[in-house]
Protein backbone atom coordinates (compact mmCIF):
# COMPACT_ATOMS: atom_id res chain seq x y z
CA UNK A 1 -5.02 11.77 20.78
CA UNK A 2 -5.59 8.04 21.46
CA UNK A 3 -9.13 7.59 20.23
CA UNK A 4 -7.37 8.53 16.80
CA UNK A 5 -4.67 5.35 16.89
CA UNK A 6 -7.57 2.88 18.27
CA UNK A 7 -8.87 4.24 14.86
CA UNK A 8 -6.32 3.60 12.64
CA UNK A 9 -5.02 -0.10 14.44
CA UNK A 10 -9.31 -1.09 13.55
CA UNK A 11 -9.11 -0.24 9.88
CA UNK A 12 -5.04 -1.31 9.68
CA UNK A 13 -7.55 -4.94 10.99
CA UNK A 14 -10.43 -5.05 9.28
CA UNK A 15 -8.43 -4.27 6.08
CA UNK A 16 -6.10 -6.50 6.65
CA UNK A 17 -8.79 -9.12 6.80
CA UNK A 18 -10.25 -7.43 4.04
CA UNK A 19 -7.30 -8.12 2.09
CA UNK A 20 -6.55 -12.42 3.03
CA UNK A 21 -10.44 -12.93 2.37
CA UNK A 22 -11.16 -15.27 -0.68
CA UNK A 23 -11.91 -13.62 -3.61
CA UNK A 24 -15.62 -15.09 -5.41
CA UNK A 25 -13.51 -17.56 -8.05
CA UNK A 26 -15.12 -17.57 -12.04
CA UNK A 27 -16.40 -21.29 -13.02
CA UNK A 28 -13.89 -23.31 -15.28
CA UNK A 29 -16.38 -23.20 -18.30
CA UNK A 30 -16.67 -19.16 -17.54
CA UNK A 31 -12.53 -19.04 -17.70
CA UNK A 32 -12.36 -21.13 -20.84
CA UNK A 33 -14.92 -18.69 -22.88
CA UNK A 34 -13.02 -15.84 -21.27
CA UNK A 35 -9.57 -16.93 -23.09
CA UNK A 36 -11.47 -17.94 -26.50
CA UNK A 37 -12.84 -14.52 -26.54
CA UNK A 38 -9.51 -12.61 -25.75
CA UNK A 39 -7.05 -15.21 -27.79
CA UNK A 40 -10.18 -13.88 -30.95
CA UNK A 41 -9.69 -10.90 -30.65
CA UNK A 42 -5.27 -10.45 -30.58
CA UNK A 43 -4.46 -10.97 -27.14
CA UNK A 44 -2.51 -14.10 -25.84
CA UNK A 45 -2.29 -15.57 -21.94
CA UNK A 46 1.40 -13.68 -21.95
CA UNK A 47 -0.21 -10.31 -22.98
CA UNK A 48 -0.49 -8.28 -19.28
CA UNK A 49 -3.67 -6.87 -18.58
CA UNK A 50 -5.22 -3.96 -16.96
CA UNK A 51 -5.00 -5.73 -12.63
CA UNK A 52 -1.35 -6.62 -13.98
CA UNK A 53 -0.44 -3.40 -14.82
CA UNK A 54 -1.88 -1.44 -11.76
CA UNK A 55 -0.80 -3.88 -9.48
CA UNK A 56 2.49 -3.17 -10.16
CA UNK A 57 2.52 0.45 -10.42
CA UNK A 58 0.79 -0.20 -7.39
CA UNK A 59 3.88 -1.69 -5.81
CA UNK A 60 6.96 -0.14 -7.71
CA UNK A 61 5.00 3.31 -5.59
CA UNK A 62 4.99 1.52 -2.50
CA UNK A 63 8.42 0.29 -2.79
CA UNK A 64 9.24 4.04 -3.48
CA UNK A 65 7.29 5.61 -0.90
CA UNK A 66 8.55 2.83 1.35
CA UNK A 67 12.33 4.03 0.36
CA UNK A 68 11.77 7.56 1.95
CA UNK A 69 10.10 6.66 4.79
CA UNK A 70 12.65 4.89 5.88
CA UNK A 71 15.02 8.01 4.32
CA UNK A 72 12.99 10.15 6.40
CA UNK A 73 13.07 8.10 9.21
CA UNK A 74 16.56 8.00 9.37
CA UNK A 75 16.78 11.93 9.42
CA UNK A 76 14.08 12.80 11.55
CA UNK A 77 16.69 10.58 13.86
CA UNK A 78 19.41 11.51 13.18
CA UNK A 79 17.93 15.26 13.93
CA UNK A 80 16.99 14.69 17.06
CA UNK A 81 20.53 13.10 18.07
CA UNK A 82 21.72 16.16 17.26
CA UNK A 83 19.37 19.08 18.78
CA UNK A 84 21.34 19.23 21.80
CA UNK A 85 18.29 19.19 23.93
CA UNK A 86 17.30 22.32 22.22
CA UNK A 87 12.55 22.42 22.28
CA UNK A 88 12.03 22.98 18.98
CA UNK A 89 14.76 21.29 16.78
CA UNK A 90 13.52 17.88 18.77
CA UNK A 91 10.07 19.17 17.84
CA UNK A 92 10.74 19.20 14.71
CA UNK A 93 12.79 15.74 14.63
CA UNK A 94 9.75 13.86 16.31
CA UNK A 95 7.48 16.12 13.12
CA UNK A 96 9.48 14.27 10.71
CA UNK A 97 9.53 11.15 12.67
CA UNK A 98 5.85 10.82 12.85
CA UNK A 99 4.87 12.38 9.23
CA UNK A 100 7.35 9.83 7.93
CA UNK A 101 5.27 6.76 9.56
CA UNK A 102 2.22 8.29 8.81
CA UNK A 103 2.77 7.98 5.42
CA UNK A 104 3.76 4.95 5.38
CA UNK A 105 1.14 3.76 6.78
CA UNK A 106 -1.45 5.47 4.80
CA UNK A 107 0.52 3.77 1.60
CA UNK A 108 0.25 0.93 2.86
CA UNK A 109 -3.63 1.67 3.69
CA UNK A 110 -3.57 2.00 -0.05
CA UNK A 111 -2.01 -0.59 -0.96
CA UNK A 112 -4.47 -2.75 0.78
CA UNK A 113 -8.04 -0.89 -0.76
CA UNK A 114 -6.17 -1.41 -4.65
CA UNK A 115 -5.49 -4.84 -4.25
CA UNK A 116 -9.45 -5.55 -2.52
CA UNK A 117 -9.90 -3.78 -5.38
CA UNK A 118 -7.82 -5.71 -8.40
CA UNK A 119 -9.10 -8.54 -6.65
CA UNK A 120 -12.84 -7.77 -6.15
CA UNK A 121 -12.87 -7.38 -9.65
């Protein structure tokens, strides 16, 4: 089990470092030409791009998953408190808490990956 924890921690650190790395910048001339072409086809600066739309959807889903995870952790804690030492109830409560935390970690990894891909594009 320690190897799994180490692997997850290592992956989290690597993804965190990757999201903090600066992206490649586009020259000002290229940005002007892109904006000029974008305006010629009827776009304006207030129009949402695919990148911002995807980012907004991912942030909303992350918020929902985070809220559900917190609720499940609270329910697991209540189950653990009320179990009165019954081993099956304690195991069930621990599994509820563990799966909620794992779900939250997976959601954070997904958020980091999506941000990394959007910044890279």
